[in-house]
Protein backbone atom coordinates (compact mmCIF):
# COMPACT_ATOMS: atom_id res chain seq x y z
CA MET A 1 -17.30 -3.04 2.31
CA ILE A 2 -15.30 -6.05 2.66
CA ALA A 3 -14.88 -6.59 -0.95
CA ARG A 4 -13.80 -3.05 -1.57
CA PHE A 5 -11.09 -3.23 1.18
CA ALA A 6 -10.10 -6.71 -0.34
CA ARG A 7 -9.19 -4.92 -3.71
CA PHE A 8 -7.36 -2.21 -1.92
CA ALA A 9 -5.39 -4.92 -0.03
CA MET A 10 -4.50 -6.51 -3.24
CA LEU A 11 -2.65 -3.47 -4.29
CA LEU A 12 -1.09 -2.71 -1.03
CA PRO A 13 1.77 -5.40 -0.81
CA SER A 14 3.13 -4.83 -4.28
CA VAL A 15 3.39 -1.10 -3.55
CA LEU A 16 5.34 -1.90 -0.34
CA LEU A 17 7.47 -4.39 -2.34
CA ALA A 18 8.43 -1.92 -4.80
CA ASN A 19 9.84 0.39 -2.07
CA GLY A 20 11.67 -2.60 -0.12
CA MET A 21 9.38 -2.12 2.84
CA ALA A 22 7.70 -5.66 3.03
CA TRP A 23 7.68 -9.03 1.84
CA GLY A 24 4.73 -11.34 1.70
CA CYS A 25 1.13 -11.05 1.77
CA PHE A 26 -0.96 -10.66 4.99
CA CYS A 27 -4.06 -12.59 3.82
CA VAL A 28 -2.35 -15.44 2.04
CA GLY A 29 -3.50 -18.73 3.50
CA THR A 30 -6.50 -16.97 5.40
CA PRO A 31 -9.55 -19.21 5.29
CA ARG A 32 -12.51 -17.25 3.92
CA LYS A 33 -16.14 -17.82 4.38
CA ALA A 34 -17.64 -18.98 1.00
CA CYS A 35 -20.69 -16.33 1.23
CA GLU A 36 -18.57 -13.60 2.37
CA GLY A 37 -19.23 -10.17 0.29
CA PHE A 38 -20.43 -12.12 -2.52
CA PHE A 39 -23.06 -9.45 -3.19
CA ASP A 40 -20.28 -6.60 -3.48
CA SER A 41 -18.42 -8.65 -6.26
CA ASP A 42 -18.04 -6.96 -9.46
CA ILE A 43 -17.39 -9.86 -11.64
CA LEU A 44 -17.78 -13.55 -10.37
CA PHE A 45 -17.77 -16.80 -12.43
CA THR A 46 -16.45 -20.35 -12.42
CA GLY A 47 -13.66 -21.38 -14.89
CA ARG A 48 -11.02 -23.98 -15.76
CA VAL A 49 -7.42 -23.01 -16.28
CA THR A 50 -6.49 -24.34 -19.72
CA ARG A 51 -2.91 -23.13 -19.97
CA ILE A 52 -0.65 -20.82 -18.38
CA GLU A 53 2.04 -18.67 -20.48
CA PRO A 54 4.86 -16.31 -19.50
CA ARG A 55 4.04 -12.76 -20.07
CA THR A 56 6.57 -10.39 -21.78
CA ASP A 57 4.61 -7.15 -22.23
CA GLN A 58 6.47 -3.91 -22.47
CA GLU A 59 5.37 -2.93 -19.06
CA MET A 60 7.19 -5.99 -17.43
CA THR A 61 10.18 -5.44 -19.61
CA THR A 62 10.44 -1.89 -18.36
CA ARG A 63 9.95 -2.91 -14.85
CA VAL A 64 12.95 -5.49 -14.99
CA LEU A 65 15.07 -3.09 -16.84
CA SER A 66 14.56 -0.33 -14.29
CA MET A 67 16.22 -2.68 -11.70
CA LEU A 68 19.33 -3.13 -13.98
CA SER A 69 22.48 -1.33 -14.53
CA PRO A 70 22.71 0.01 -18.05
CA ALA A 71 25.22 -2.42 -18.79
CA ALA A 72 23.30 -5.56 -17.51
CA GLY A 73 20.19 -3.93 -19.36
CA ALA A 74 21.84 -3.75 -22.49
CA LYS A 75 22.88 -7.78 -22.08
CA LEU A 76 19.28 -8.51 -21.34
CA ARG A 77 17.88 -6.76 -24.44
CA ALA A 78 20.39 -8.72 -26.50
CA ARG A 79 19.27 -11.78 -24.79
CA LYS A 80 22.71 -12.65 -23.09
CA PRO A 81 22.74 -14.28 -19.82
CA LEU A 82 23.48 -11.99 -16.67
CA THR A 83 26.19 -12.56 -14.36
CA ASN A 84 25.37 -13.56 -10.71
CA GLU A 85 26.73 -10.05 -9.66
CA GLU A 86 24.26 -8.44 -11.96
CA MET A 87 21.26 -10.41 -10.94
CA LEU A 88 22.22 -9.65 -7.37
CA ASP A 89 22.38 -6.02 -7.85
CA ALA A 90 18.88 -5.96 -9.30
CA LEU A 91 17.45 -8.20 -6.52
CA ARG A 92 19.15 -5.93 -3.91
CA LYS A 93 17.10 -2.91 -5.16
CA LEU A 94 13.86 -5.12 -5.28
CA LEU A 95 13.82 -7.06 -2.11
CA PRO A 96 14.19 -6.07 1.65
CA ALA A 97 17.33 -6.77 3.39
CA GLU A 98 16.31 -10.09 5.16
CA ALA A 99 14.88 -11.49 2.05
CA PHE A 100 18.06 -10.50 0.17
CA ARG A 101 20.45 -12.26 2.45
CA VAL A 102 18.96 -15.49 1.91
CA LEU A 103 19.74 -15.16 -1.81
CA GLU A 104 23.30 -13.80 -1.48
CA ALA A 105 24.61 -17.30 -0.85
CA LYS A 106 23.15 -18.89 -3.84
CA SER A 107 24.74 -18.98 -7.39
CA GLY A 108 24.17 -20.56 -10.79
CA VAL A 109 20.95 -22.07 -11.67
CA ALA A 110 19.29 -21.64 -8.17
CA LEU A 111 19.99 -17.78 -8.34
CA GLU A 112 18.71 -17.63 -11.97
CA LEU A 113 15.36 -19.15 -10.77
CA ASP A 114 15.05 -16.72 -7.90
CA PHE A 115 15.82 -13.83 -10.37
CA GLN A 116 13.38 -14.96 -12.84
CA GLY A 117 10.57 -15.70 -10.15
CA ALA A 118 11.12 -12.11 -8.54
CA PHE A 119 10.09 -10.53 -12.07
CA SER A 120 8.04 -13.01 -13.58
CA THR A 121 4.59 -12.54 -14.67
CA ARG A 122 2.44 -15.04 -16.21
CA THR A 123 -1.15 -15.24 -17.68
CA ALA A 124 -3.67 -17.80 -16.84
CA HIS A 125 -5.89 -18.68 -19.79
CA ILE A 126 -9.29 -19.64 -18.42
CA GLN A 127 -12.47 -21.23 -20.03
CA VAL A 128 -15.40 -19.70 -18.45
CA LEU A 129 -17.85 -22.41 -17.29
CA GLU A 130 -20.69 -20.44 -15.40
CA ARG A 131 -21.46 -16.78 -14.85
CA PHE A 132 -22.87 -15.40 -11.66
CA HIS A 133 -22.03 -11.54 -11.60
CA GLY A 134 -20.68 -9.25 -14.35
CA ASP A 135 -19.88 -9.61 -17.99
CA VAL A 136 -17.14 -11.85 -19.14
CA ALA A 137 -16.28 -13.70 -22.39
CA HIS A 138 -16.27 -17.42 -22.97
CA GLU A 139 -12.40 -17.16 -22.36
CA VAL A 140 -10.56 -14.77 -20.21
CA GLU A 141 -6.92 -14.02 -19.40
CA ILE A 142 -5.75 -13.15 -15.88
CA PRO A 143 -2.10 -12.10 -15.16
CA PHE A 144 -0.46 -13.18 -11.99
CA GLY A 145 3.04 -13.41 -10.58
CA THR A 146 4.01 -9.76 -9.85
CA SER A 147 2.96 -9.66 -6.33
CA SER A 148 2.92 -12.11 -3.19
CA CYS A 149 -0.98 -11.38 -3.07
CA ASP A 150 -1.47 -12.65 -6.67
CA PHE A 151 -3.68 -15.75 -6.65
CA LYS A 152 -1.46 -18.84 -7.87
CA PHE A 153 -3.45 -20.59 -10.56
CA GLN A 154 -2.68 -24.16 -11.77
CA VAL A 155 -3.38 -25.70 -15.06
CA GLU A 156 -6.46 -28.02 -15.30
CA ARG A 157 -7.96 -26.82 -12.07
CA GLU A 158 -11.37 -25.28 -11.64
CA TYR A 159 -11.98 -22.11 -9.60
CA LEU A 160 -14.73 -19.68 -8.34
CA ILE A 161 -13.11 -16.34 -9.36
CA ASP A 162 -13.86 -13.19 -7.78
CA ALA A 163 -12.52 -10.68 -10.14
CA SER A 164 -12.40 -6.92 -10.91
CA ARG A 165 -11.68 -5.11 -14.08
CA ASP A 166 -8.55 -2.91 -14.37
CA GLN A 167 -9.46 0.69 -15.33
CA LYS A 168 -6.51 1.19 -17.65
CA SER A 169 -6.06 -2.11 -19.35
CA SER A 170 -9.73 -3.30 -19.06
CA GLY A 171 -8.28 -6.80 -18.16
CA LEU A 172 -9.47 -8.95 -15.16
CA ARG A 173 -7.54 -8.96 -11.97
CA THR A 174 -7.92 -11.25 -8.77
CA GLY A 175 -5.83 -11.95 -5.66
CA SER A 176 -5.49 -13.99 -2.55
CA CYS A 177 -7.29 -11.43 -0.66
CA SER A 178 -10.37 -11.93 -2.82
CA ARG A 179 -12.84 -14.69 -2.56
CA THR A 180 -11.40 -16.61 -5.44
CA ALA A 181 -10.89 -20.16 -4.49
CA GLU A 182 -10.24 -23.57 -6.20
CA ILE A 183 -13.37 -25.74 -6.52
CA LYS A 184 -12.13 -29.16 -5.13
CA ASP A 185 -15.68 -30.90 -5.17
CA PRO A 186 -19.15 -30.70 -6.95
CA HIS A 187 -20.65 -30.03 -3.41
CA GLN A 188 -18.62 -26.95 -2.84
CA LEU A 189 -20.01 -25.43 -6.29
CA ASP A 190 -23.60 -26.57 -5.09
CA ALA A 191 -22.86 -24.45 -1.80
CA TYR A 192 -21.85 -21.35 -3.94
CA ARG A 193 -24.92 -21.70 -6.23
CA ASN A 194 -27.11 -22.16 -3.05
CA LEU A 195 -25.69 -18.96 -1.48
CA LEU A 196 -25.99 -16.97 -4.85
CA SER A 197 -29.55 -17.83 -5.25
CA LEU A 198 -30.31 -16.21 -1.81
CA SER A 199 -31.80 -19.53 -0.49
CA ALA A 200 -29.17 -20.08 2.14
CA PRO A 201 -29.94 -18.79 5.65
CA PRO A 202 -28.04 -15.56 6.60
CA THR A 203 -25.01 -16.04 8.78
CA VAL A 204 -23.23 -13.75 11.24
CA PHE A 205 -19.68 -14.79 11.98
CA GLY A 206 -16.31 -13.27 13.02
CA PHE A 207 -13.67 -13.46 15.91
CA VAL A 208 -12.57 -11.91 19.25
CA THR A 209 -9.02 -10.82 19.41
CA ARG A 210 -6.75 -9.28 21.94
CA GLN A 211 -4.86 -7.44 19.27
CA PRO A 212 -6.98 -4.28 18.32
CA SER A 213 -5.10 -3.79 14.98
CA ASP A 214 -6.72 -7.11 13.73
CA LEU A 215 -9.74 -5.09 13.25
CA GLU A 216 -8.13 -3.10 10.64
CA LEU A 217 -7.22 -6.26 8.56
CA PHE A 218 -10.34 -8.29 9.92
CA TYR A 219 -9.41 -11.58 8.30
CA ARG A 220 -8.04 -13.39 11.35
CA ALA A 221 -7.14 -12.89 15.07
CA SER A 222 -3.43 -12.91 15.70
CA LYS A 223 -4.15 -13.03 19.41
CA PRO A 224 -7.36 -14.94 19.64
CA VAL A 225 -9.75 -15.25 22.42
CA ALA A 226 -11.26 -18.73 23.00
CA GLN A 227 -14.59 -19.65 24.82
CA ALA A 228 -15.99 -15.99 24.51
CA THR A 229 -19.66 -16.18 24.30
CA ILE A 230 -21.34 -14.57 21.41
CA THR A 231 -25.35 -13.62 21.81
CA ILE A 232 -27.54 -12.50 19.02
CA ARG A 233 -30.93 -11.03 19.80
CA SER A 234 -34.06 -10.37 17.82
CA GLY A 235 -37.12 -9.30 19.80
CA GLU A 236 -37.68 -12.37 22.32
CA GLN A 237 -35.37 -14.71 20.34
CA THR A 238 -31.72 -15.38 21.40
CA TRP A 239 -29.03 -17.55 19.75
CA GLN A 240 -25.61 -18.16 21.19
CA ALA A 241 -22.06 -19.65 20.17
CA SER A 242 -18.75 -19.65 21.64
CA THR A 243 -15.39 -18.80 19.83
CA ASP A 244 -12.93 -21.63 19.18
CA ALA A 245 -9.27 -21.87 19.78
CA GLN A 246 -8.68 -19.57 16.76
CA GLY A 247 -11.14 -17.02 18.41
CA GLU A 248 -13.73 -17.46 15.73
CA TYR A 249 -17.65 -18.25 15.88
CA SER A 250 -20.44 -18.52 13.40
CA LEU A 251 -24.11 -18.31 13.87
CA ALA A 252 -26.82 -19.10 11.25
CA LEU A 253 -30.02 -16.94 11.63
CA PRO A 254 -33.50 -18.02 10.55
CA ALA A 255 -34.23 -14.85 8.49
CA PRO A 256 -32.98 -11.60 7.27
CA GLY A 257 -33.71 -8.62 9.57
CA SER A 258 -32.32 -6.42 12.44
CA TYR A 259 -30.14 -8.04 15.10
CA GLN A 260 -28.05 -7.13 18.10
CA VAL A 261 -24.90 -8.83 18.45
CA GLU A 262 -23.05 -8.99 21.86
CA ALA A 263 -19.76 -10.21 23.11
CA GLY A 264 -19.72 -11.59 26.61
CA LEU A 265 -16.89 -9.29 27.67
CA SER A 266 -18.48 -7.49 30.64
CA GLU A 267 -15.13 -5.43 31.36
CA LEU A 268 -15.55 -3.51 28.11
CA PRO A 269 -17.77 -0.42 27.60
CA GLU A 270 -21.28 -1.27 26.00
CA ARG A 271 -20.49 0.53 22.69
CA GLN A 272 -17.54 -1.85 22.14
CA ARG A 273 -19.24 -5.06 23.10
CA VAL A 274 -22.79 -4.43 21.63
CA LEU A 275 -23.35 -3.93 18.06
CA ARG A 276 -26.71 -3.66 15.82
CA LEU A 277 -26.74 -4.69 12.23
CA ASP A 278 -29.09 -5.38 9.47
CA VAL A 279 -28.66 -8.71 7.71
CA LEU A 280 -29.76 -9.29 4.03
CA PRO A 281 -31.02 -12.53 2.47
CA GLY A 282 -28.38 -15.12 1.93
CA GLN A 283 -25.68 -12.87 3.25
CA CYS A 284 -22.82 -13.70 5.44
CA GLN A 285 -22.04 -10.73 7.64
CA ARG A 286 -18.56 -10.46 9.48
CA VAL A 287 -18.67 -8.87 13.20
CA ASN A 288 -15.31 -8.87 15.00
CA PHE A 289 -14.66 -7.75 18.56
CA SER A 290 -11.57 -6.70 20.41
CA ALA A 291 -11.15 -7.83 24.06
CA ILE A 292 -9.00 -4.98 24.90
CA PRO A 293 -10.81 -1.69 25.87
CA MET A 294 -10.19 0.90 23.14
CA GLY A 295 -10.42 4.60 23.08
CA SER A 296 -10.22 7.21 20.46
CA ILE A 297 -8.85 10.85 19.69
CA ARG A 298 -10.88 13.52 17.92
CA GLY A 299 -9.71 16.97 17.22
CA LYS A 300 -9.35 19.76 14.77
CA LEU A 301 -6.42 20.55 12.66
CA LEU A 302 -6.22 24.52 12.26
CA ASP A 303 -3.85 26.69 10.22
CA ALA A 304 -1.91 29.69 11.57
CA ASP A 305 -5.17 31.84 11.27
CA GLY A 306 -7.33 29.38 13.28
CA HIS A 307 -9.24 27.87 10.25
CA GLY A 308 -9.70 24.18 9.66
CA VAL A 309 -7.32 22.50 7.26
CA ALA A 310 -9.02 19.89 5.08
CA GLY A 311 -7.18 17.05 3.37
CA GLU A 312 -4.03 16.80 5.37
CA LEU A 313 -2.91 13.40 6.91
CA VAL A 314 -2.86 13.38 10.71
CA GLU A 315 -0.51 10.47 11.81
CA ILE A 316 -0.36 8.99 15.47
CA ARG A 317 2.62 7.20 17.05
CA GLY A 318 3.07 5.27 20.31
CA VAL A 319 5.43 6.76 22.87
CA PRO A 320 7.28 3.76 24.14
CA PRO A 321 6.51 1.54 25.80
CA THR A 322 3.04 2.24 24.14
CA LEU A 323 3.04 0.13 20.89
CA ASP A 324 2.43 1.94 17.54
CA PRO A 325 -1.50 1.66 17.68
CA ARG A 326 -2.36 0.28 14.10
CA HIS A 327 -0.88 -0.88 10.83
CA ILE A 328 -2.55 2.11 8.97
CA SER A 329 -2.24 5.01 11.44
CA ARG A 330 -3.33 7.87 8.97
CA GLU A 331 -6.36 9.76 9.11
CA TYR A 332 -7.25 12.46 6.58
CA THR A 333 -8.87 15.69 8.03
CA HIS A 334 -12.46 16.58 6.80
CA ALA A 335 -13.58 19.81 5.37
CA ASP A 336 -13.73 21.60 8.71
CA GLY A 337 -10.24 20.15 9.94
CA ILE A 338 -11.87 17.61 12.05
CA PHE A 339 -9.97 14.15 12.41
CA TRP A 340 -10.79 11.07 14.34
CA ILE A 341 -8.53 8.33 15.26
CA PRO A 342 -10.36 5.25 16.56
CA ARG A 343 -9.49 1.83 18.11
CA LEU A 344 -6.60 3.04 20.38
CA ILE A 345 -5.38 0.87 23.35
CA SER A 346 -4.41 2.91 26.55
CA GLY A 347 -1.17 4.43 26.52
CA GLU A 348 0.77 7.61 25.41
CA TYR A 349 0.79 9.07 22.04
CA ARG A 350 1.92 11.85 19.77
CA LEU A 351 0.18 13.41 16.96
CA LEU A 352 2.01 14.88 13.94
CA ILE A 353 1.70 15.57 10.31
CA ASN A 354 4.42 15.10 7.39
CA PRO A 355 6.86 13.16 9.65
CA GLY A 356 10.23 13.61 8.13
CA LEU A 357 9.33 15.68 5.05
CA PRO A 358 10.53 19.15 4.11
CA PRO A 359 7.62 21.54 3.17
CA ARG A 360 6.53 21.33 -0.65
CA LYS A 361 7.82 18.14 -1.02
CA ARG A 362 5.72 15.76 -3.21
CA ARG A 363 4.10 13.19 -0.69
CA TRP A 364 3.32 9.54 -1.47
CA MET A 365 -0.10 10.34 -2.55
CA GLY A 366 1.20 12.86 -5.38
CA ASP A 367 0.25 16.12 -3.65
CA ARG A 368 2.42 18.63 -1.81
CA SER A 369 1.91 19.95 1.64
CA PRO A 370 2.95 23.64 2.50
CA TYR A 371 3.88 22.48 5.90
CA GLY A 372 7.05 20.55 7.09
CA GLU A 373 7.13 18.15 10.02
CA THR A 374 4.87 19.50 12.80
CA PHE A 375 3.87 17.95 16.33
CA TYR A 376 0.91 18.58 18.28
CA SER A 377 0.13 21.09 19.65
CA GLY A 378 1.87 23.15 17.04
CA GLY A 379 5.67 22.83 17.36
CA THR A 380 8.09 21.90 14.52
CA PRO A 381 10.95 20.63 16.57
CA LYS A 382 10.26 17.06 17.97
CA ASP A 383 11.37 18.13 21.64
CA GLN A 384 8.19 20.43 21.67
CA ALA A 385 5.83 17.69 20.80
CA VAL A 386 2.97 17.34 23.45
CA THR A 387 2.45 13.65 24.69
CA ILE A 388 -1.20 12.68 25.17
CA HIS A 389 -2.15 10.13 27.76
CA LEU A 390 -5.11 7.81 26.95
CA ASP A 391 -6.89 5.61 29.70
CA PRO A 392 -8.45 2.32 28.83
CA GLY A 393 -11.54 3.04 26.78
CA GLN A 394 -11.18 6.88 26.98
CA ASP A 395 -12.40 9.12 24.26
CA LEU A 396 -10.55 12.24 24.05
CA ASP A 397 -12.38 14.99 22.20
CA ASN A 398 -11.89 18.61 21.12
CA LEU A 399 -8.16 18.55 20.63
CA GLU A 400 -6.65 21.58 18.69
CA PHE A 401 -3.63 20.95 16.42
CA ARG A 402 -2.37 24.49 15.16
CA LEU A 403 -0.02 24.40 12.26
CA PRO A 404 2.64 26.90 11.47
CA PRO A 405 2.38 29.27 8.58
CA ALA A 406 2.19 27.85 5.17
CA ALA A 407 5.20 28.09 3.13
CA PRO A 408 4.42 29.67 -0.29
CA GLU A 409 5.42 28.03 -3.39
CA TRP A 410 8.78 28.99 -5.07
CA ARG A 411 8.83 28.06 -8.76
CA MET A 412 12.13 27.71 -10.32
CA HIS A 413 12.44 27.79 -14.13
CA GLY A 414 15.42 26.89 -16.35
CA GLU A 415 16.86 24.98 -19.22
CA VAL A 416 19.19 21.85 -20.03
CA GLN A 417 21.96 21.78 -22.44
CA ALA A 418 22.99 18.32 -23.61
CA PRO A 419 26.19 17.58 -25.60
CA ASP A 420 24.17 15.55 -28.22
CA GLY A 421 21.33 18.12 -28.28
CA ASP A 422 18.90 15.27 -27.17
CA VAL A 423 17.33 16.63 -23.95
CA GLU A 424 14.01 14.73 -24.12
CA ALA A 425 15.39 12.05 -21.72
CA VAL A 426 16.97 14.38 -19.07
CA LYS A 427 15.47 14.29 -15.57
CA VAL A 428 16.05 17.26 -13.36
CA TRP A 429 16.03 16.83 -9.49
CA LEU A 430 15.62 19.42 -6.97
CA VAL A 431 17.01 18.36 -3.56
CA GLU A 432 17.03 20.16 -0.12
CA GLU A 433 20.31 20.33 1.45
CA GLY A 434 20.82 18.99 4.96
CA TRP A 435 18.33 15.95 4.52
CA PRO A 436 19.26 12.42 3.96
CA GLU A 437 19.45 11.70 0.37
CA ASP A 438 16.42 9.32 0.31
CA LYS A 439 14.24 12.19 1.64
CA ALA A 440 15.88 15.17 0.32
CA VAL A 441 14.38 15.07 -3.21
CA ILE A 442 11.78 17.86 -3.30
CA ASP A 443 10.68 17.65 -6.98
CA GLY A 444 11.72 15.99 -10.14
CA VAL A 445 10.48 16.51 -13.95
CA ARG A 446 11.61 15.14 -17.26
CA VAL A 447 12.35 18.25 -19.57
CA GLY A 448 10.58 18.79 -22.95
CA VAL A 449 11.89 18.93 -26.33
CA ASP A 450 12.94 22.51 -25.78
CA GLY A 451 15.10 21.68 -22.59
CA GLN A 452 12.77 23.72 -20.49
CA PHE A 453 11.73 22.83 -16.98
CA THR A 454 9.87 24.23 -13.85
CA LEU A 455 10.36 22.86 -10.43
CA VAL A 456 8.67 23.80 -7.17
CA GLY A 457 10.05 24.27 -3.72
CA ALA A 458 9.49 26.95 -0.88
CA PRO A 459 11.27 30.27 -0.62
CA GLY A 460 13.99 30.46 2.17
CA ARG A 461 15.26 26.91 1.79
CA SER A 462 18.60 25.77 0.81
CA TYR A 463 18.27 23.78 -2.42
CA ALA A 464 20.67 22.07 -4.99
CA ILE A 465 19.62 21.07 -8.57
CA PHE A 466 21.14 18.75 -11.01
CA GLY A 467 20.21 16.97 -14.27
CA HIS A 468 20.72 13.33 -15.52
CA TYR A 469 19.96 10.81 -18.05
CA ARG A 470 21.64 7.54 -19.37
CA ASP A 471 21.77 5.03 -22.16
CA ALA A 472 23.33 1.55 -22.44
CA ASN A 473 26.86 2.75 -22.91
CA VAL A 474 27.22 6.33 -21.78
CA HIS A 475 25.63 8.28 -18.70
CA TYR A 476 25.11 12.23 -18.74
CA HIS A 477 24.93 14.49 -15.70
CA SER A 478 25.35 18.07 -14.63
CA ALA A 479 27.18 19.37 -11.62
CA ILE A 480 25.36 19.57 -8.44
CA THR A 481 24.38 23.38 -8.37
CA PRO A 482 23.55 25.18 -5.21
CA LEU A 483 20.64 27.45 -5.42
CA ILE A 484 20.39 30.90 -3.66
CA PRO A 485 17.33 30.93 -1.66
CA GLY A 486 14.67 32.79 -3.46
CA ALA A 487 16.69 33.23 -6.68
CA GLN A 488 14.49 33.89 -9.67
CA SER A 489 16.96 33.86 -12.60
CA PRO A 490 16.83 31.10 -15.19
CA ILE A 491 18.82 28.07 -14.23
CA ARG A 492 21.01 26.53 -16.81
CA LEU A 493 22.28 23.14 -16.38
CA ALA A 494 25.12 21.76 -18.72
CA LEU A 495 25.33 18.06 -18.99
CA GLU A 496 28.69 16.35 -19.62
CA ALA A 497 29.10 12.78 -21.00
CA ALA A 498 30.95 10.06 -18.73
CA PRO A 499 31.63 6.27 -19.39
CA ALA A 500 28.93 3.92 -17.96
CA ASN A 501 31.37 2.42 -15.59
CA GLU A 502 32.74 5.75 -14.32
CA ASP A 503 33.00 6.00 -10.51
CA CYS A 504 30.26 8.61 -10.22
CA GLU A 505 29.85 10.61 -6.88
CA LEU A 506 26.48 11.87 -7.90
CA CYS A 507 25.25 8.50 -8.85
CA ARG A 508 26.51 6.75 -5.66
CA LYS A 509 24.94 9.64 -3.38
CA TYR A 510 21.52 9.14 -5.16
CA GLN A 511 21.26 5.63 -5.82
CA HIS A 512 17.59 5.48 -4.51
CA LEU A 513 16.77 7.59 -7.72
CA ASP A 514 18.10 4.66 -9.90
CA ILE A 515 20.61 6.96 -11.72
CA SER A 516 23.76 4.80 -11.00
CA PRO A 517 25.82 3.48 -13.77
CA ASP A 518 27.66 0.14 -13.38
CA TRP A 519 30.13 1.71 -11.08
CA LYS A 520 32.14 -0.42 -8.50
């Protein structure tokens, strides 16, 4: 489980970065136990980095160009240097505000280095020395540099590499959240061999924290509890350890088997401080504890007819002064509509689905919900939301969260007419009026060679539609056309050409769609 979550965590920061929401990787610099999760590794080997080269594949080129204006993109293709303003414009789209402000004061060579570093991808060429798990060749390549969670390789260094294989490219990937680590002395490698041969004693380790959200990331305690007693029992045998200043402990066990692990936190309910586990030969097993009593909320999400709704995300928010409960505060409903949100501190909360989303908008996971923003126990306006009070360690069960009637699909058909007849590059956007521009886009499609398109919305909503595409010198767009709710007639969008440096109202309004020309 640890290894699987680590690989998900490797992807998370790059996704957040692309949307300007986060900067940095939560697990960088976090010490890891050498044996942790090795038995879940897909590919594990040691290797020496022989050289590192820049990577200039089409995927990276496309990514960089998507951040640039058409004029700057044309210069980059022609290998002409970009101005400071052009580089800053691209970095403004890539970085969150606090990181971008640091770069605004820079210029010249310093800014050029930051610009290239933000987009650079490099490839480490690695000579494989010893294989432990998985099938690898004598020499492999691993890209890095696109995310703050990428592992930073150096030439002529040796590493234990815990990798996975990319399903699309079949190439290897690793990162800071994996067990990849530099081998700094031969004894370290001997320790790895010992662990992997199952001859090492099994070990239980972990931390005690006052921050329950640490249990979601589980690498370190942000609010450690020192001098907490950890007791492990098996039959009549007992082993004890105390947590250090970082809240961490470690206990080696004589043999694999079933054990009971207990934290000396008498103020907590037994289910939170006493755990049972099976330890495998040679395995390290992490067991973390929260020193704060935690409760949970369990309920059922029902549709307007009282049937369970599966596959919806139920979110939870703390009502001030209660803090938001977790870093990842979404729970999918099961087949019968059941949801369970564990590890909550005492306080007041609101449950909701689709926060800030109109019905039928495409969500971050790619599907559409027929429901708009809805609060527990079943109201759409926020002022009708029911506040849930949770006492320390309390488990609330049998909540019923009823949804409004589902909005049916409204499929809109149309065609695009372009002045040069080339319609394959045209993107058509459907937006809901009255919403902020960054949330208003309900659907978007790229039209086919015949110029035909189909978009999906909900009947009775107020929409507008427009088409757009651009090249290095000219961009093309239609007018923003209001739609009569429920209209079924074909929609025709006529595109007009405009110079790339036109002061474009549509392009300014929807900058987040990356349709802006080089306007000032």
